[in-house]
C-alpha atoms as a PDB file:
ATOM      1  CA  MET A   1     112.256  84.432  90.482  1.00  0.00           C
ATOM      2  CA  PRO A   2     110.309  86.434  87.112  1.00  0.00           C
ATOM      3  CA  SER A   3     112.209  87.419  84.309  1.00  0.00           C
ATOM      4  CA  GLU A   4     112.565  90.830  82.988  1.00  0.00           C
ATOM      5  CA  THR A   5     110.133  89.761  79.936  1.00  0.00           C
ATOM      6  CA  LEU A   6     107.795  88.331  82.347  1.00  0.00           C
ATOM      7  CA  ILE A   7     107.432  91.661  84.502  1.00  0.00           C
ATOM      8  CA  ARG A   8     106.996  93.697  81.279  1.00  0.00           C
ATOM      9  CA  ASP A   9     104.587  91.874  80.316  1.00  0.00           C
ATOM     10  CA  TRP A  10     102.701  92.176  83.710  1.00  0.00           C
ATOM     11  CA  LEU A  11     103.381  95.682  83.687  1.00  0.00           C
ATOM     12  CA  THR A  12     101.650  95.965  80.440  1.00  0.00           C
ATOM     13  CA  GLN A  13      98.733  94.269  81.709  1.00  0.00           C
ATOM     14  CA  ARG A  14      98.285  96.258  84.751  1.00  0.00           C
ATOM     15  CA  VAL A  15      98.850  99.481  82.862  1.00  0.00           C
ATOM     16  CA  ALA A  16      96.128  98.735  80.131  1.00  0.00           C
ATOM     17  CA  GLU A  17      93.888  97.670  82.897  1.00  0.00           C
ATOM     18  CA  TYR A  18      94.395 101.306  84.446  1.00  0.00           C
ATOM     19  CA  LEU A  19      94.071 102.907  81.177  1.00  0.00           C
ATOM     20  CA  GLU A  20      90.850 100.655  80.154  1.00  0.00           C
ATOM     21  CA  ARG A  21      92.977  99.647  76.652  1.00  0.00           C
ATOM     22  CA  PRO A  22      93.696  96.339  75.167  1.00  0.00           C
ATOM     23  CA  PRO A  23      97.294  95.306  76.185  1.00  0.00           C
ATOM     24  CA  ALA A  24      98.250  94.980  72.235  1.00  0.00           C
ATOM     25  CA  ASP A  25      97.509  98.820  72.531  1.00  0.00           C
ATOM     26  CA  ILE A  26     100.572  99.658  75.343  1.00  0.00           C
ATOM     27  CA  ASP A  27     104.076 100.343  73.566  1.00  0.00           C
ATOM     28  CA  PRO A  28     106.498  99.556  76.610  1.00  0.00           C
ATOM     29  CA  SER A  29     108.910 101.971  75.343  1.00  0.00           C
ATOM     30  CA  ALA A  30     106.460 104.822  75.016  1.00  0.00           C
ATOM     31  CA  MET A  31     106.517 107.064  78.476  1.00  0.00           C
ATOM     32  CA  LEU A  32     103.646 106.509  80.413  1.00  0.00           C
ATOM     33  CA  ALA A  33     102.898 110.777  80.768  1.00  0.00           C
ATOM     34  CA  GLU A  34     101.750 110.518  76.837  1.00  0.00           C
ATOM     35  CA  TYR A  35      99.106 107.582  78.092  1.00  0.00           C
ATOM     36  CA  GLY A  36      97.895 109.751  79.827  1.00  0.00           C
ATOM     37  CA  MET A  37      98.759 108.257  82.902  1.00  0.00           C
ATOM     38  CA  ASP A  38      98.732 110.259  85.979  1.00  0.00           C
ATOM     39  CA  SER A  39      99.941 110.333  89.838  1.00  0.00           C
ATOM     40  CA  VAL A  40      97.028 108.418  91.067  1.00  0.00           C
ATOM     41  CA  TYR A  41      97.453 105.597  88.615  1.00  0.00           C
ATOM     42  CA  ALA A  42     101.305 106.010  89.350  1.00  0.00           C
ATOM     43  CA  ILE A  43     100.726 105.666  92.698  1.00  0.00           C
ATOM     44  CA  SER A  44      98.716 102.607  92.690  1.00  0.00           C
ATOM     45  CA  LEU A  45     100.946 101.030  89.509  1.00  0.00           C
ATOM     46  CA  CYS A  46     103.586 101.356  93.170  1.00  0.00           C
ATOM     47  CA  GLY A  47     101.256  99.756  95.056  1.00  0.00           C
ATOM     48  CA  ASP A  48     100.525  96.638  92.704  1.00  0.00           C
ATOM     49  CA  ILE A  49     104.462  96.101  92.424  1.00  0.00           C
ATOM     50  CA  GLU A  50     104.720  96.266  96.014  1.00  0.00           C
ATOM     51  CA  ALA A  51     102.239  93.276  96.328  1.00  0.00           C
ATOM     52  CA  GLU A  52     102.749  91.481  93.491  1.00  0.00           C
ATOM     53  CA  TYR A  53     106.813  91.408  93.902  1.00  0.00           C
ATOM     54  CA  ASP A  54     106.925  91.664  97.503  1.00  0.00           C
ATOM     55  CA  LEU A  55     109.439  94.901  97.196  1.00  0.00           C
ATOM     56  CA  ASP A  56     109.033  98.550  98.373  1.00  0.00           C
ATOM     57  CA  VAL A  57     109.396 101.011  95.630  1.00  0.00           C
ATOM     58  CA  GLU A  58     109.709 104.915  95.692  1.00  0.00           C
ATOM     59  CA  PRO A  59     106.226 106.522  94.811  1.00  0.00           C
ATOM     60  CA  THR A  60     108.017 108.363  92.178  1.00  0.00           C
ATOM     61  CA  LEU A  61     108.955 105.180  90.409  1.00  0.00           C
ATOM     62  CA  ALA A  62     107.141 106.072  87.152  1.00  0.00           C
ATOM     63  CA  TRP A  63     108.784 109.528  86.907  1.00  0.00           C
ATOM     64  CA  THR A  64     112.612 108.148  87.639  1.00  0.00           C
ATOM     65  CA  HIS A  65     111.846 105.028  84.996  1.00  0.00           C
ATOM     66  CA  PRO A  66     108.942 106.511  82.650  1.00  0.00           C
ATOM     67  CA  THR A  67     108.565 103.884  80.781  1.00  0.00           C
ATOM     68  CA  ILE A  68     107.183 100.214  81.215  1.00  0.00           C
ATOM     69  CA  ASP A  69     110.680  99.187  79.712  1.00  0.00           C
ATOM     70  CA  ALA A  70     112.548 100.966  82.235  1.00  0.00           C
ATOM     71  CA  ILE A  71     110.435 100.301  85.174  1.00  0.00           C
ATOM     72  CA  ALA A  72     110.442  96.277  83.884  1.00  0.00           C
ATOM     73  CA  ALA A  73     114.488  96.543  83.692  1.00  0.00           C
ATOM     74  CA  HIS A  74     114.526  98.123  87.298  1.00  0.00           C
ATOM     75  CA  LEU A  75     112.489  95.479  88.811  1.00  0.00           C
ATOM     76  CA  GLY A  76     114.113  92.755  86.925  1.00  0.00           C
ATOM     77  CA  GLU A  77     117.477  94.086  88.530  1.00  0.00           C
ATOM     78  CA  ARG A  78     116.161  94.182  91.858  1.00  0.00           C
ATOM     79  CA  VAL A  79     114.101  90.771  91.988  1.00  0.00           C
ATOM     80  CA  GLY A  80     117.355  89.111  90.447  1.00  0.00           C
ATOM     81  CA  ASP A  81     119.612  90.410  93.663  1.00  0.00           C
ATOM     82  CA  ARG A  82     117.109  88.380  96.118  1.00  0.00           C
ATOM     83  CA  PRO A  83     117.582  84.867  96.598  1.00  0.00           C
ATOM     84  CA  ALA A  84     114.880  81.920  95.830  1.00  0.00           C
ATOM     85  CA  PRO A  85     112.780  82.035  98.690  1.00  0.00           C
ATOM     86  CA  ASP A  86     114.148  78.566  99.157  1.00  0.00           C
ATOM     87  CA  ALA A  87     117.524  79.038  98.404  1.00  0.00           C
ATOM     88  CA  VAL A  88     120.403  78.238 101.040  1.00  0.00           C
ATOM     89  CA  LEU A  89     122.934  81.106 101.280  1.00  0.00           C
ATOM     90  CA  PRO A  90     126.234  79.612 100.763  1.00  0.00           C
ATOM     91  CA  ASP A  91     127.430  80.764 104.436  1.00  0.00           C
ATOM     92  CA  GLN A  92     124.521  78.900 106.094  1.00  0.00           C
ATOM     93  CA  PRO A  93     125.655  75.197 106.954  1.00  0.00           C
ATOM     94  CA  THR A  94     123.136  72.235 105.563  1.00  0.00           C
ATOM     95  CA  PRO A  95     122.547  69.712 107.576  1.00  0.00           C
ATOM     96  CA  THR A  96     124.896  67.514 105.321  1.00  0.00           C
ATOM     97  CA  ASP A  97     127.765  70.021 106.796  1.00  0.00           C
ATOM     98  CA  LEU A  98     126.772  70.007 110.339  1.00  0.00           C
ATOM     99  CA  ARG A  99     129.333  67.254 112.037  1.00  0.00           C
ATOM    100  CA  VAL A 100     128.616  65.751 115.717  1.00  0.00           C
ATOM    101  CA  LEU A 101     131.853  66.113 117.843  1.00  0.00           C
ATOM    102  CA  PRO A 102     133.000  63.056 119.878  1.00  0.00           C
ATOM    103  CA  ASP A 103     131.855  63.231 123.433  1.00  0.00           C
ATOM    104  CA  GLN A 104     128.922  66.228 122.165  1.00  0.00           C
ATOM    105  CA  PRO A 105     124.970  64.920 123.023  1.00  0.00           C
ATOM    106  CA  THR A 106     122.986  64.293 119.617  1.00  0.00           C
ATOM    107  CA  PRO A 107     119.735  65.511 119.430  1.00  0.00           C
ATOM    108  CA  THR A 108     118.327  61.799 120.450  1.00  0.00           C
ATOM    109  CA  ASP A 109     120.465  61.979 123.086  1.00  0.00           C
ATOM    110  CA  LEU A 110     119.123  65.007 125.130  1.00  0.00           C
ATOM    111  CA  PRO A 111     116.656  64.731 127.597  1.00  0.00           C
ATOM    112  CA  ALA A 112     112.935  65.516 126.489  1.00  0.00           C
END
């Protein structure tokens, strides 16, 4: 699961590509509107975020979170709320938790 720092770096790279500037010229604390980020770029950025992080985001994301720092913090919280892809949730039994009761067929006892 990516950290907020990795998300910020990825967002900075994406915004720099849209604006055709070097990433070093992008201040993550600056308002995206100050860089001339328009609604077309903002919607495109939302699509990139959805594809990269497998999240549904509102098309107004760049207006409700108007800086890269704000978007990264928001996404960091959302990504952090999801379990890791291979994680077993606490209320799900693992194979070692399953017990065979006496007089119950086991998988090897069942007909094929």
